[in-house]
PDB file of N, CA and C in Angstrom:
ATOM      1  N   MET A   1       9.526 -10.374  -4.402  1.00  0.00           N
ATOM      2  CA  MET A   1       9.877  -9.031  -3.967  1.00  0.00           C
ATOM      3  C   MET A   1       8.608  -8.237  -3.712  1.00  0.00           C
ATOM      4  N   SER A   2       8.594  -7.491  -2.640  1.00  0.00           N
ATOM      5  CA  SER A   2       7.458  -6.642  -2.303  1.00  0.00           C
ATOM      6  C   SER A   2       7.413  -5.441  -3.237  1.00  0.00           C
ATOM      7  N   ALA A   3       6.239  -4.787  -3.282  1.00  0.00           N
ATOM      8  CA  ALA A   3       6.094  -3.649  -4.185  1.00  0.00           C
ATOM      9  C   ALA A   3       5.095  -2.643  -3.628  1.00  0.00           C
ATOM     10  N   PHE A   4       5.294  -1.396  -4.003  1.00  0.00           N
ATOM     11  CA  PHE A   4       4.311  -0.350  -3.769  1.00  0.00           C
ATOM     12  C   PHE A   4       3.469  -0.258  -5.034  1.00  0.00           C
ATOM     13  N   VAL A   5       2.158  -0.199  -4.886  1.00  0.00           N
ATOM     14  CA  VAL A   5       1.269  -0.086  -6.033  1.00  0.00           C
ATOM     15  C   VAL A   5       0.468   1.203  -5.875  1.00  0.00           C
ATOM     16  N   ILE A   6       0.651   2.121  -6.817  1.00  0.00           N
ATOM     17  CA  ILE A   6      -0.093   3.379  -6.808  1.00  0.00           C
ATOM     18  C   ILE A   6      -1.330   3.207  -7.663  1.00  0.00           C
ATOM     19  N   SER A   7      -2.472   3.649  -7.138  1.00  0.00           N
ATOM     20  CA  SER A   7      -3.723   3.567  -7.894  1.00  0.00           C
ATOM     21  C   SER A   7      -4.554   4.816  -7.640  1.00  0.00           C
ATOM     22  N   GLN A   8      -5.487   5.058  -8.563  1.00  0.00           N
ATOM     23  CA  GLN A   8      -6.382   6.197  -8.425  1.00  0.00           C
ATOM     24  C   GLN A   8      -7.711   5.701  -7.882  1.00  0.00           C
ATOM     25  N   LYS A   9      -8.219   6.425  -6.887  1.00  0.00           N
ATOM     26  CA  LYS A   9      -9.494   6.053  -6.291  1.00  0.00           C
ATOM     27  C   LYS A   9     -10.639   6.679  -7.082  1.00  0.00           C
ATOM     28  N   GLU A  10     -11.856   6.259  -6.802  1.00  0.00           N
ATOM     29  CA  GLU A  10     -13.026   6.775  -7.522  1.00  0.00           C
ATOM     30  C   GLU A  10     -13.228   8.272  -7.319  1.00  0.00           C
ATOM     31  N   ASN A  11     -12.754   8.808  -6.198  1.00  0.00           N
ATOM     32  CA  ASN A  11     -12.909  10.238  -5.932  1.00  0.00           C
ATOM     33  C   ASN A  11     -11.746  11.063  -6.502  1.00  0.00           C
ATOM     34  N   ALA A  12     -10.982  10.470  -7.428  1.00  0.00           N
ATOM     35  CA  ALA A  12      -9.888  11.122  -8.160  1.00  0.00           C
ATOM     36  C   ALA A  12      -8.662  11.408  -7.294  1.00  0.00           C
ATOM     37  N   THR A  13      -8.589  10.852  -6.102  1.00  0.00           N
ATOM     38  CA  THR A  13      -7.376  10.952  -5.302  1.00  0.00           C
ATOM     39  C   THR A  13      -6.536   9.697  -5.548  1.00  0.00           C
ATOM     40  N   TYR A  14      -5.339   9.714  -5.018  1.00  0.00           N
ATOM     41  CA  TYR A  14      -4.413   8.603  -5.223  1.00  0.00           C
ATOM     42  C   TYR A  14      -4.049   7.980  -3.885  1.00  0.00           C
ATOM     43  N   LYS A  15      -3.746   6.705  -3.920  1.00  0.00           N
ATOM     44  CA  LYS A  15      -3.270   5.989  -2.743  1.00  0.00           C
ATOM     45  C   LYS A  15      -2.203   5.017  -3.202  1.00  0.00           C
ATOM     46  N   PHE A  16      -1.437   4.519  -2.246  1.00  0.00           N
ATOM     47  CA  PHE A  16      -0.535   3.428  -2.571  1.00  0.00           C
ATOM     48  C   PHE A  16      -0.742   2.326  -1.550  1.00  0.00           C
ATOM     49  N   THR A  17      -0.475   1.128  -2.003  1.00  0.00           N
ATOM     50  CA  THR A  17      -0.512  -0.014  -1.117  1.00  0.00           C
ATOM     51  C   THR A  17       0.867  -0.649  -1.118  1.00  0.00           C
ATOM     52  N   PHE A  18       1.198  -1.274  -0.022  1.00  0.00           N
ATOM     53  CA  PHE A  18       2.429  -2.057   0.052  1.00  0.00           C
ATOM     54  C   PHE A  18       2.000  -3.504  -0.056  1.00  0.00           C
ATOM     55  N   GLU A  19       2.467  -4.161  -1.095  1.00  0.00           N
ATOM     56  CA  GLU A  19       2.042  -5.531  -1.407  1.00  0.00           C
ATOM     57  C   GLU A  19       3.110  -6.537  -0.985  1.00  0.00           C
ATOM     58  N   HIS A  20       2.658  -7.587  -0.349  1.00  0.00           N
ATOM     59  CA  HIS A  20       3.510  -8.715   0.035  1.00  0.00           C
ATOM     60  C   HIS A  20       4.092  -9.338  -1.227  1.00  0.00           C
ATOM     61  N   ARG A  21       5.203  -9.980  -1.121  1.00  0.00           N
ATOM     62  CA  ARG A  21       5.831 -10.603  -2.301  1.00  0.00           C
ATOM     63  C   ARG A  21       4.941 -11.645  -2.942  1.00  0.00           C
ATOM     64  N   ARG A  22       3.936 -12.139  -2.220  1.00  0.00           N
ATOM     65  CA  ARG A  22       2.991 -13.103  -2.783  1.00  0.00           C
ATOM     66  C   ARG A  22       1.707 -12.430  -3.264  1.00  0.00           C
ATOM     67  N   GLY A  23       1.686 -11.094  -3.276  1.00  0.00           N
ATOM     68  CA  GLY A  23       0.568 -10.370  -3.852  1.00  0.00           C
ATOM     69  C   GLY A  23      -0.493  -9.885  -2.887  1.00  0.00           C
ATOM     70  N   ARG A  24      -0.364 -10.149  -1.621  1.00  0.00           N
ATOM     71  CA  ARG A  24      -1.376  -9.747  -0.644  1.00  0.00           C
ATOM     72  C   ARG A  24      -1.094  -8.324  -0.155  1.00  0.00           C
ATOM     73  N   THR A  25      -2.127  -7.500  -0.070  1.00  0.00           N
ATOM     74  CA  THR A  25      -1.960  -6.139   0.430  1.00  0.00           C
ATOM     75  C   THR A  25      -1.699  -6.162   1.927  1.00  0.00           C
ATOM     76  N   LEU A  26      -0.618  -5.514   2.339  1.00  0.00           N
ATOM     77  CA  LEU A  26      -0.290  -5.446   3.761  1.00  0.00           C
ATOM     78  C   LEU A  26      -0.602  -4.089   4.356  1.00  0.00           C
ATOM     79  N   LEU A  27      -0.450  -3.023   3.564  1.00  0.00           N
ATOM     80  CA  LEU A  27      -0.553  -1.672   4.090  1.00  0.00           C
ATOM     81  C   LEU A  27      -1.186  -0.771   3.029  1.00  0.00           C
ATOM     82  N   THR A  28      -2.086   0.100   3.447  1.00  0.00           N
ATOM     83  CA  THR A  28      -2.709   1.060   2.536  1.00  0.00           C
ATOM     84  C   THR A  28      -2.438   2.468   3.057  1.00  0.00           C
ATOM     85  N   SER A  29      -2.046   3.346   2.168  1.00  0.00           N
ATOM     86  CA  SER A  29      -1.708   4.724   2.560  1.00  0.00           C
ATOM     87  C   SER A  29      -2.953   5.572   2.753  1.00  0.00           C
ATOM     88  N   LYS A  30      -2.711   6.760   3.262  1.00  0.00           N
ATOM     89  CA  LYS A  30      -3.759   7.771   3.280  1.00  0.00           C
ATOM     90  C   LYS A  30      -3.923   8.310   1.857  1.00  0.00           C
ATOM     91  N   GLU A  31      -4.938   9.126   1.624  1.00  0.00           N
ATOM     92  CA  GLU A  31      -5.184   9.684   0.288  1.00  0.00           C
ATOM     93  C   GLU A  31      -4.184  10.791  -0.028  1.00  0.00           C
ATOM     94  N   HIS A  32      -3.867  10.892  -1.323  1.00  0.00           N
ATOM     95  CA  HIS A  32      -2.987  11.956  -1.828  1.00  0.00           C
ATOM     96  C   HIS A  32      -3.716  12.665  -2.960  1.00  0.00           C
ATOM     97  N   ASP A  33      -3.548  13.988  -3.028  1.00  0.00           N
ATOM     98  CA  ASP A  33      -4.228  14.780  -4.060  1.00  0.00           C
ATOM     99  C   ASP A  33      -3.720  14.469  -5.464  1.00  0.00           C
ATOM    100  N   THR A  34      -2.431  14.190  -5.563  1.00  0.00           N
ATOM    101  CA  THR A  34      -1.837  13.922  -6.871  1.00  0.00           C
ATOM    102  C   THR A  34      -0.987  12.655  -6.818  1.00  0.00           C
ATOM    103  N   LYS A  35      -0.732  12.102  -7.990  1.00  0.00           N
ATOM    104  CA  LYS A  35       0.129  10.927  -8.088  1.00  0.00           C
ATOM    105  C   LYS A  35       1.552  11.282  -7.656  1.00  0.00           C
ATOM    106  N   GLU A  36       1.978  12.493  -7.965  1.00  0.00           N
ATOM    107  CA  GLU A  36       3.321  12.925  -7.601  1.00  0.00           C
ATOM    108  C   GLU A  36       3.491  12.941  -6.084  1.00  0.00           C
ATOM    109  N   LYS A  37       2.463  13.346  -5.352  1.00  0.00           N
ATOM    110  CA  LYS A  37       2.542  13.349  -3.885  1.00  0.00           C
ATOM    111  C   LYS A  37       2.636  11.924  -3.343  1.00  0.00           C
ATOM    112  N   ALA A  38       1.966  10.994  -3.986  1.00  0.00           N
ATOM    113  CA  ALA A  38       2.067   9.587  -3.572  1.00  0.00           C
ATOM    114  C   ALA A  38       3.499   9.090  -3.787  1.00  0.00           C
ATOM    115  N   TYR A  39       4.076   9.398  -4.958  1.00  0.00           N
ATOM    116  CA  TYR A  39       5.469   9.027  -5.228  1.00  0.00           C
ATOM    117  C   TYR A  39       6.415   9.651  -4.198  1.00  0.00           C
ATOM    118  N   GLU A  40       6.230  10.941  -3.935  1.00  0.00           N
ATOM    119  CA  GLU A  40       7.090  11.647  -2.982  1.00  0.00           C
ATOM    120  C   GLU A  40       7.003  11.024  -1.595  1.00  0.00           C
ATOM    121  N   THR A  41       5.792  10.654  -1.181  1.00  0.00           N
ATOM    122  CA  THR A  41       5.620  10.045   0.140  1.00  0.00           C
ATOM    123  C   THR A  41       6.339   8.709   0.212  1.00  0.00           C
ATOM    124  N   ILE A  42       6.212   7.898  -0.830  1.00  0.00           N
ATOM    125  CA  ILE A  42       6.904   6.605  -0.844  1.00  0.00           C
ATOM    126  C   ILE A  42       8.414   6.817  -0.741  1.00  0.00           C
ATOM    127  N   LYS A  43       8.940   7.704  -1.565  1.00  0.00           N
ATOM    128  CA  LYS A  43      10.389   7.948  -1.566  1.00  0.00           C
ATOM    129  C   LYS A  43      10.856   8.492  -0.220  1.00  0.00           C
ATOM    130  N   TYR A  44      10.071   9.393   0.357  1.00  0.00           N
ATOM    131  CA  TYR A  44      10.398   9.953   1.667  1.00  0.00           C
ATOM    132  C   TYR A  44      10.422   8.855   2.731  1.00  0.00           C
ATOM    133  N   LEU A  45       9.384   8.020   2.758  1.00  0.00           N
ATOM    134  CA  LEU A  45       9.312   6.956   3.757  1.00  0.00           C
ATOM    135  C   LEU A  45      10.431   5.930   3.575  1.00  0.00           C
ATOM    136  N   LYS A  46      10.795   5.644   2.342  1.00  0.00           N
ATOM    137  CA  LYS A  46      11.905   4.714   2.110  1.00  0.00           C
ATOM    138  C   LYS A  46      13.210   5.285   2.678  1.00  0.00           C
ATOM    139  N   ASN A  47      13.395   6.598   2.539  1.00  0.00           N
ATOM    140  CA  ASN A  47      14.623   7.240   3.025  1.00  0.00           C
ATOM    141  C   ASN A  47      14.689   7.323   4.546  1.00  0.00           C
ATOM    142  N   VAL A  48      13.547   7.421   5.206  1.00  0.00           N
ATOM    143  CA  VAL A  48      13.535   7.599   6.665  1.00  0.00           C
ATOM    144  C   VAL A  48      12.923   6.398   7.384  1.00  0.00           C
ATOM    145  N   PHE A  49      12.835   5.271   6.688  1.00  0.00           N
ATOM    146  CA  PHE A  49      12.133   4.121   7.256  1.00  0.00           C
ATOM    147  C   PHE A  49      12.680   3.689   8.613  1.00  0.00           C
ATOM    148  N   SER A  50      13.968   3.811   8.815  1.00  0.00           N
ATOM    149  CA  SER A  50      14.568   3.377  10.086  1.00  0.00           C
ATOM    150  C   SER A  50      14.067   4.198  11.273  1.00  0.00           C
ATOM    151  N   THR A  51      13.498   5.369  11.013  1.00  0.00           N
ATOM    152  CA  THR A  51      12.991   6.208  12.108  1.00  0.00           C
ATOM    153  C   THR A  51      11.462   6.160  12.240  1.00  0.00           C
ATOM    154  N   THR A  52      10.807   5.388  11.382  1.00  0.00           N
ATOM    155  CA  THR A  52       9.349   5.283  11.479  1.00  0.00           C
ATOM    156  C   THR A  52       8.959   4.397  12.648  1.00  0.00           C
ATOM    157  N   GLU A  53       7.722   4.532  13.078  1.00  0.00           N
ATOM    158  CA  GLU A  53       7.192   3.709  14.156  1.00  0.00           C
ATOM    159  C   GLU A  53       6.118   2.792  13.597  1.00  0.00           C
ATOM    160  N   ILE A  54       6.070   1.586  14.118  1.00  0.00           N
ATOM    161  CA  ILE A  54       4.979   0.678  13.802  1.00  0.00           C
ATOM    162  C   ILE A  54       4.126   0.576  15.059  1.00  0.00           C
ATOM    163  N   LEU A  55       2.931   1.156  14.980  1.00  0.00           N
ATOM    164  CA  LEU A  55       2.017   1.186  16.110  1.00  0.00           C
ATOM    165  C   LEU A  55       1.080  -0.006  16.012  1.00  0.00           C
ATOM    166  N   ARG A  56       0.970  -0.765  17.076  1.00  0.00           N
ATOM    167  CA  ARG A  56       0.201  -2.009  17.075  1.00  0.00           C
ATOM    168  C   ARG A  56      -1.157  -1.795  17.746  1.00  0.00           C
ATOM    169  N   PHE A  57      -2.196  -2.393  17.125  1.00  0.00           N
ATOM    170  CA  PHE A  57      -3.556  -2.262  17.628  1.00  0.00           C
ATOM    171  C   PHE A  57      -4.278  -3.604  17.582  1.00  0.00           C
ATOM    172  N   LYS A  58      -5.339  -3.684  18.373  1.00  0.00           N
ATOM    173  CA  LYS A  58      -6.215  -4.855  18.357  1.00  0.00           C
ATOM    174  C   LYS A  58      -7.650  -4.355  18.389  1.00  0.00           C
ATOM    175  N   THR A  59      -8.475  -4.850  17.466  1.00  0.00           N
ATOM    176  CA  THR A  59      -9.869  -4.431  17.405  1.00  0.00           C
ATOM    177  C   THR A  59     -10.658  -5.101  18.530  1.00  0.00           C
ATOM    178  N   PRO A  60     -11.850  -4.575  18.859  1.00  0.00           N
ATOM    179  CA  PRO A  60     -12.698  -5.243  19.849  1.00  0.00           C
ATOM    180  C   PRO A  60     -13.054  -6.676  19.453  1.00  0.00           C
ATOM    181  N   ALA A  61     -13.029  -6.964  18.156  1.00  0.00           N
ATOM    182  CA  ALA A  61     -13.333  -8.319  17.676  1.00  0.00           C
ATOM    183  C   ALA A  61     -12.120  -9.247  17.753  1.00  0.00           C
ATOM    184  N   GLY A  62     -10.986  -8.726  18.214  1.00  0.00           N
ATOM    185  CA  GLY A  62      -9.811  -9.559  18.392  1.00  0.00           C
ATOM    186  C   GLY A  62      -8.881  -9.643  17.199  1.00  0.00           C
ATOM    187  N   LYS A  63      -9.081  -8.793  16.187  1.00  0.00           N
ATOM    188  CA  LYS A  63      -8.184  -8.794  15.024  1.00  0.00           C
ATOM    189  C   LYS A  63      -7.055  -7.794  15.269  1.00  0.00           C
ATOM    190  N   PHE A  64      -5.927  -8.066  14.647  1.00  0.00           N
ATOM    191  CA  PHE A  64      -4.732  -7.259  14.837  1.00  0.00           C
ATOM    192  C   PHE A  64      -4.463  -6.409  13.599  1.00  0.00           C
ATOM    193  N   TYR A  65      -3.954  -5.191  13.811  1.00  0.00           N
ATOM    194  CA  TYR A  65      -3.526  -4.352  12.694  1.00  0.00           C
ATOM    195  C   TYR A  65      -2.480  -3.372  13.207  1.00  0.00           C
ATOM    196  N   PHE A  66      -1.775  -2.736  12.277  1.00  0.00           N
ATOM    197  CA  PHE A  66      -0.755  -1.773  12.662  1.00  0.00           C
ATOM    198  C   PHE A  66      -0.834  -0.545  11.771  1.00  0.00           C
ATOM    199  N   LYS A  67      -0.216   0.515  12.273  1.00  0.00           N
ATOM    200  CA  LYS A  67      -0.126   1.758  11.508  1.00  0.00           C
ATOM    201  C   LYS A  67       1.338   2.143  11.410  1.00  0.00           C
ATOM    202  N   LEU A  68       1.710   2.685  10.258  1.00  0.00           N
ATOM    203  CA  LEU A  68       3.068   3.170  10.033  1.00  0.00           C
ATOM    204  C   LEU A  68       3.047   4.672  10.266  1.00  0.00           C
ATOM    205  N   ALA A  69       3.828   5.138  11.225  1.00  0.00           N
ATOM    206  CA  ALA A  69       3.783   6.550  11.612  1.00  0.00           C
ATOM    207  C   ALA A  69       5.181   7.138  11.706  1.00  0.00           C
ATOM    208  N   LEU A  70       5.228   8.436  11.549  1.00  0.00           N
ATOM    209  CA  LEU A  70       6.468   9.190  11.703  1.00  0.00           C
ATOM    210  C   LEU A  70       6.094  10.576  12.199  1.00  0.00           C
ATOM    211  N   ASP A  71       6.726  11.019  13.266  1.00  0.00           N
ATOM    212  CA  ASP A  71       6.467  12.351  13.829  1.00  0.00           C
ATOM    213  C   ASP A  71       4.977  12.586  14.072  1.00  0.00           C
ATOM    214  N   ASN A  72       4.313  11.634  14.681  1.00  0.00           N
ATOM    215  CA  ASN A  72       2.890  11.717  15.035  1.00  0.00           C
ATOM    216  C   ASN A  72       1.956  11.819  13.833  1.00  0.00           C
ATOM    217  N   GLU A  73       2.427  11.455  12.661  1.00  0.00           N
ATOM    218  CA  GLU A  73       1.569  11.413  11.473  1.00  0.00           C
ATOM    219  C   GLU A  73       1.509   9.982  10.951  1.00  0.00           C
ATOM    220  N   VAL A  74       0.301   9.497  10.735  1.00  0.00           N
ATOM    221  CA  VAL A  74       0.111   8.143  10.228  1.00  0.00           C
ATOM    222  C   VAL A  74       0.171   8.186   8.701  1.00  0.00           C
ATOM    223  N   TYR A  75       1.027   7.348   8.132  1.00  0.00           N
ATOM    224  CA  TYR A  75       1.191   7.294   6.680  1.00  0.00           C
ATOM    225  C   TYR A  75       0.496   6.098   6.047  1.00  0.00           C
ATOM    226  N   GLY A  76       0.176   5.094   6.853  1.00  0.00           N
ATOM    227  CA  GLY A  76      -0.502   3.925   6.305  1.00  0.00           C
ATOM    228  C   GLY A  76      -1.060   3.046   7.410  1.00  0.00           C
ATOM    229  N   THR A  77      -2.084   2.286   7.049  1.00  0.00           N
ATOM    230  CA  THR A  77      -2.734   1.360   7.974  1.00  0.00           C
ATOM    231  C   THR A  77      -2.757  -0.020   7.335  1.00  0.00           C
ATOM    232  N   SER A  78      -2.456  -1.016   8.127  1.00  0.00           N
ATOM    233  CA  SER A  78      -2.410  -2.373   7.602  1.00  0.00           C
ATOM    234  C   SER A  78      -3.807  -2.956   7.467  1.00  0.00           C
ATOM    235  N   ARG A  79      -3.855  -4.108   6.803  1.00  0.00           N
ATOM    236  CA  ARG A  79      -5.089  -4.874   6.774  1.00  0.00           C
ATOM    237  C   ARG A  79      -5.262  -5.505   8.147  1.00  0.00           C
ATOM    238  N   LYS A  80      -6.407  -6.097   8.400  1.00  0.00           N
ATOM    239  CA  LYS A  80      -6.658  -6.780   9.673  1.00  0.00           C
ATOM    240  C   LYS A  80      -6.158  -8.224   9.568  1.00  0.00           C
ATOM    241  N   PHE A  81      -5.538  -8.688  10.629  1.00  0.00           N
ATOM    242  CA  PHE A  81      -5.001 -10.048  10.693  1.00  0.00           C
ATOM    243  C   PHE A  81      -5.784 -10.846  11.723  1.00  0.00           C
ATOM    244  N   ASN A  82      -6.100 -12.088  11.380  1.00  0.00           N
ATOM    245  CA  ASN A  82      -6.877 -12.943  12.281  1.00  0.00           C
ATOM    246  C   ASN A  82      -6.060 -13.508  13.434  1.00  0.00           C
ATOM    247  N   THR A  83      -4.771 -13.738  13.195  1.00  0.00           N
ATOM    248  CA  THR A  83      -3.940 -14.317  14.245  1.00  0.00           C
ATOM    249  C   THR A  83      -2.742 -13.425  14.520  1.00  0.00           C
ATOM    250  N   GLU A  84      -2.221 -13.549  15.720  1.00  0.00           N
ATOM    251  CA  GLU A  84      -1.061 -12.762  16.087  1.00  0.00           C
ATOM    252  C   GLU A  84       0.174 -13.170  15.277  1.00  0.00           C
ATOM    253  N   LEU A  85       0.276 -14.448  14.926  1.00  0.00           N
ATOM    254  CA  LEU A  85       1.396 -14.917  14.115  1.00  0.00           C
ATOM    255  C   LEU A  85       1.390 -14.260  12.731  1.00  0.00           C
ATOM    256  N   ARG A  86       0.243 -14.219  12.084  1.00  0.00           N
ATOM    257  CA  ARG A  86       0.152 -13.561  10.768  1.00  0.00           C
ATOM    258  C   ARG A  86       0.421 -12.065  10.889  1.00  0.00           C
ATOM    259  N   PHE A  87      -0.051 -11.481  11.961  1.00  0.00           N
ATOM    260  CA  PHE A  87       0.187 -10.067  12.247  1.00  0.00           C
ATOM    261  C   PHE A  87       1.686  -9.790  12.336  1.00  0.00           C
ATOM    262  N   GLU A  88       2.398 -10.584  13.129  1.00  0.00           N
ATOM    263  CA  GLU A  88       3.847 -10.405  13.278  1.00  0.00           C
ATOM    264  C   GLU A  88       4.570 -10.674  11.963  1.00  0.00           C
ATOM    265  N   ASN A  89       4.117 -11.670  11.208  1.00  0.00           N
ATOM    266  CA  ASN A  89       4.720 -11.938   9.899  1.00  0.00           C
ATOM    267  C   ASN A  89       4.502 -10.775   8.937  1.00  0.00           C
ATOM    268  N   GLY A  90       3.319 -10.138   8.996  1.00  0.00           N
ATOM    269  CA  GLY A  90       3.041  -8.970   8.159  1.00  0.00           C
ATOM    270  C   GLY A  90       3.960  -7.816   8.486  1.00  0.00           C
ATOM    271  N   ILE A  91       4.157  -7.570   9.765  1.00  0.00           N
ATOM    272  CA  ILE A  91       5.079  -6.509  10.182  1.00  0.00           C
ATOM    273  C   ILE A  91       6.494  -6.829   9.715  1.00  0.00           C
ATOM    274  N   GLU A  92       6.909  -8.068   9.883  1.00  0.00           N
ATOM    275  CA  GLU A  92       8.246  -8.478   9.463  1.00  0.00           C
ATOM    276  C   GLU A  92       8.442  -8.283   7.956  1.00  0.00           C
ATOM    277  N   GLU A  93       7.424  -8.601   7.175  1.00  0.00           N
ATOM    278  CA  GLU A  93       7.503  -8.422   5.716  1.00  0.00           C
ATOM    279  C   GLU A  93       7.666  -6.941   5.358  1.00  0.00           C
ATOM    280  N   VAL A  94       6.950  -6.078   6.050  1.00  0.00           N
ATOM    281  CA  VAL A  94       7.074  -4.639   5.802  1.00  0.00           C
ATOM    282  C   VAL A  94       8.479  -4.176   6.168  1.00  0.00           C
ATOM    283  N   VAL A  95       8.956  -4.572   7.324  1.00  0.00           N
ATOM    284  CA  VAL A  95      10.286  -4.153   7.773  1.00  0.00           C
ATOM    285  C   VAL A  95      11.375  -4.645   6.809  1.00  0.00           C
ATOM    286  N   LYS A  96      11.275  -5.890   6.373  1.00  0.00           N
ATOM    287  CA  LYS A  96      12.298  -6.462   5.493  1.00  0.00           C
ATOM    288  C   LYS A  96      12.248  -5.898   4.075  1.00  0.00           C
ATOM    289  N   GLY A  97      11.053  -5.618   3.549  1.00  0.00           N
ATOM    290  CA  GLY A  97      10.952  -5.272   2.141  1.00  0.00           C
ATOM    291  C   GLY A  97      10.670  -3.830   1.806  1.00  0.00           C
ATOM    292  N   PHE A  98      10.431  -2.984   2.789  1.00  0.00           N
ATOM    293  CA  PHE A  98       9.976  -1.616   2.523  1.00  0.00           C
ATOM    294  C   PHE A  98      10.977  -0.821   1.690  1.00  0.00           C
ATOM    295  N   VAL A  99      12.202  -0.786   2.127  1.00  0.00           N
ATOM    296  CA  VAL A  99      13.206   0.073   1.484  1.00  0.00           C
ATOM    297  C   VAL A  99      13.544  -0.401   0.072  1.00  0.00           C
ATOM    298  N   SER A 100      13.530  -1.706  -0.149  1.00  0.00           N
ATOM    299  CA  SER A 100      13.937  -2.232  -1.460  1.00  0.00           C
ATOM    300  C   SER A 100      12.761  -2.459  -2.419  1.00  0.00           C
ATOM    301  N   ALA A 101      11.541  -2.212  -1.975  1.00  0.00           N
ATOM    302  CA  ALA A 101      10.372  -2.483  -2.815  1.00  0.00           C
ATOM    303  C   ALA A 101      10.332  -1.554  -4.031  1.00  0.00           C
ATOM    304  N   GLU A 102       9.918  -2.138  -5.156  1.00  0.00           N
ATOM    305  CA  GLU A 102       9.772  -1.328  -6.369  1.00  0.00           C
ATOM    306  C   GLU A 102       8.431  -0.595  -6.335  1.00  0.00           C
ATOM    307  N   ILE A 103       8.294   0.419  -7.184  1.00  0.00           N
ATOM    308  CA  ILE A 103       7.065   1.200  -7.259  1.00  0.00           C
ATOM    309  C   ILE A 103       6.382   0.903  -8.592  1.00  0.00           C
ATOM    310  N   LEU A 104       5.130   0.466  -8.524  1.00  0.00           N
ATOM    311  CA  LEU A 104       4.341   0.176  -9.719  1.00  0.00           C
ATOM    312  C   LEU A 104       3.189   1.172  -9.796  1.00  0.00           C
ATOM    313  N   ASP A 105       2.986   1.754 -10.965  1.00  0.00           N
ATOM    314  CA  ASP A 105       1.925   2.741 -11.155  1.00  0.00           C
ATOM    315  C   ASP A 105       0.765   2.100 -11.903  1.00  0.00           C
ATOM    316  N   PHE A 106      -0.301   1.804 -11.181  1.00  0.00           N
ATOM    317  CA  PHE A 106      -1.508   1.242 -11.791  1.00  0.00           C
ATOM    318  C   PHE A 106      -2.621   2.286 -11.873  1.00  0.00           C
ATOM    319  N   SER A 107      -2.256   3.557 -11.823  1.00  0.00           N
ATOM    320  CA  SER A 107      -3.265   4.615 -11.853  1.00  0.00           C
ATOM    321  C   SER A 107      -3.693   4.970 -13.270  1.00  0.00           C
ATOM    322  N   ILE A 108      -2.979   4.485 -14.257  1.00  0.00           N
ATOM    323  CA  ILE A 108      -3.284   4.804 -15.644  1.00  0.00           C
ATOM    324  C   ILE A 108      -4.071   3.652 -16.258  1.00  0.00           C
ATOM    325  N   ASN A 109      -5.178   3.971 -16.894  1.00  0.00           N
ATOM    326  CA  ASN A 109      -5.965   2.953 -17.579  1.00  0.00           C
ATOM    327  C   ASN A 109      -5.404   2.798 -18.984  1.00  0.00           C
ATOM    328  N   ILE A 110      -4.653   1.748 -19.204  1.00  0.00           N
ATOM    329  CA  ILE A 110      -3.992   1.558 -20.498  1.00  0.00           C
ATOM    330  C   ILE A 110      -4.957   1.117 -21.591  1.00  0.00           C
ATOM    331  N   PHE A 111      -6.189   0.803 -21.230  1.00  0.00           N
ATOM    332  CA  PHE A 111      -7.153   0.321 -22.214  1.00  0.00           C
ATOM    333  C   PHE A 111      -8.082   1.416 -22.735  1.00  0.00           C
ATOM    334  N   ASP A 112      -7.938   2.662 -22.248  1.00  0.00           N
ATOM    335  CA  ASP A 112      -8.806   3.747 -22.698  1.00  0.00           C
ATOM    336  C   ASP A 112      -8.751   3.969 -24.204  1.00  0.00           C
ATOM    337  N   ASP A 113      -7.577   3.925 -24.778  1.00  0.00           N
ATOM    338  CA  ASP A 113      -7.418   4.206 -26.199  1.00  0.00           C
ATOM    339  C   ASP A 113      -7.369   2.942 -27.047  1.00  0.00           C
ATOM    340  N   PHE A 114      -7.672   1.814 -26.463  1.00  0.00           N
ATOM    341  CA  PHE A 114      -7.638   0.543 -27.169  1.00  0.00           C
ATOM    342  C   PHE A 114      -8.863   0.439 -28.078  1.00  0.00           C
ATOM    343  N   PRO A 115      -8.687   0.128 -29.353  1.00  0.00           N
ATOM    344  CA  PRO A 115      -9.839   0.054 -30.270  1.00  0.00           C
ATOM    345  C   PRO A 115     -10.863  -0.982 -29.792  1.00  0.00           C
ATOM    346  N   SER A 116     -12.097  -0.578 -29.714  1.00  0.00           N
ATOM    347  CA  SER A 116     -13.142  -1.448 -29.171  1.00  0.00           C
ATOM    348  C   SER A 116     -13.393  -2.673 -30.046  1.00  0.00           C
ATOM    349  N   GLU A 117     -13.106  -2.566 -31.342  1.00  0.00           N
ATOM    350  CA  GLU A 117     -13.353  -3.738 -32.206  1.00  0.00           C
ATOM    351  C   GLU A 117     -12.351  -4.864 -31.963  1.00  0.00           C
ATOM    352  N   ILE A 118     -11.255  -4.561 -31.314  1.00  0.00           N
ATOM    353  CA  ILE A 118     -10.244  -5.568 -31.013  1.00  0.00           C
ATOM    354  C   ILE A 118     -10.615  -6.318 -29.727  1.00  0.00           C
ATOM    355  N   ILE A 119     -11.284  -5.641 -28.821  1.00  0.00           N
ATOM    356  CA  ILE A 119     -11.660  -6.253 -27.542  1.00  0.00           C
ATOM    357  C   ILE A 119     -12.834  -7.209 -27.770  1.00  0.00           C
ATOM    358  N   GLU A 120     -12.598  -8.455 -27.431  1.00  0.00           N
ATOM    359  CA  GLU A 120     -13.661  -9.440 -27.568  1.00  0.00           C
ATOM    360  C   GLU A 120     -14.540  -9.419 -26.322  1.00  0.00           C
ATOM    361  N   THR A 121     -15.822  -9.501 -26.533  1.00  0.00           N
ATOM    362  CA  THR A 121     -16.738  -9.564 -25.406  1.00  0.00           C
ATOM    363  C   THR A 121     -17.578 -10.809 -25.518  1.00  0.00           C
ATOM    364  N   ASP A 122     -17.977 -11.314 -24.377  1.00  0.00           N
ATOM    365  CA  ASP A 122     -18.856 -12.493 -24.357  1.00  0.00           C
ATOM    366  C   ASP A 122     -20.269 -12.027 -24.716  1.00  0.00           C
ATOM    367  N   LYS A 123     -20.869 -12.709 -25.659  1.00  0.00           N
ATOM    368  CA  LYS A 123     -22.227 -12.322 -26.063  1.00  0.00           C
ATOM    369  C   LYS A 123     -23.191 -13.437 -25.790  1.00  0.00           C
TER     370      LYS A 123
END
């Protein structure tokens, strides 16, 4: 099953990625000021996905990528694909799994409060 993964960037903003069911990142969102805005954007896009556009592009180097847009606003950009077949498969995975994908929040560092004496380190 595909999933949305929310994470915090080094500049304290948030982004989400749409992950292929095999774990490969297919789409990365624009930056969001708060985690709540990232959640809201995901929920909004899931509700209106049938009206979104998938805009197709090709780089000068011959790689393929797409952008997910709605009302002239881009909400995410895909990774670059080496072949047109992988590109089309990536789009198909997004179309098939977007609405049903679960949301995972990886923006919280669960190890911050973990006692350091319990964590083993290589010496």
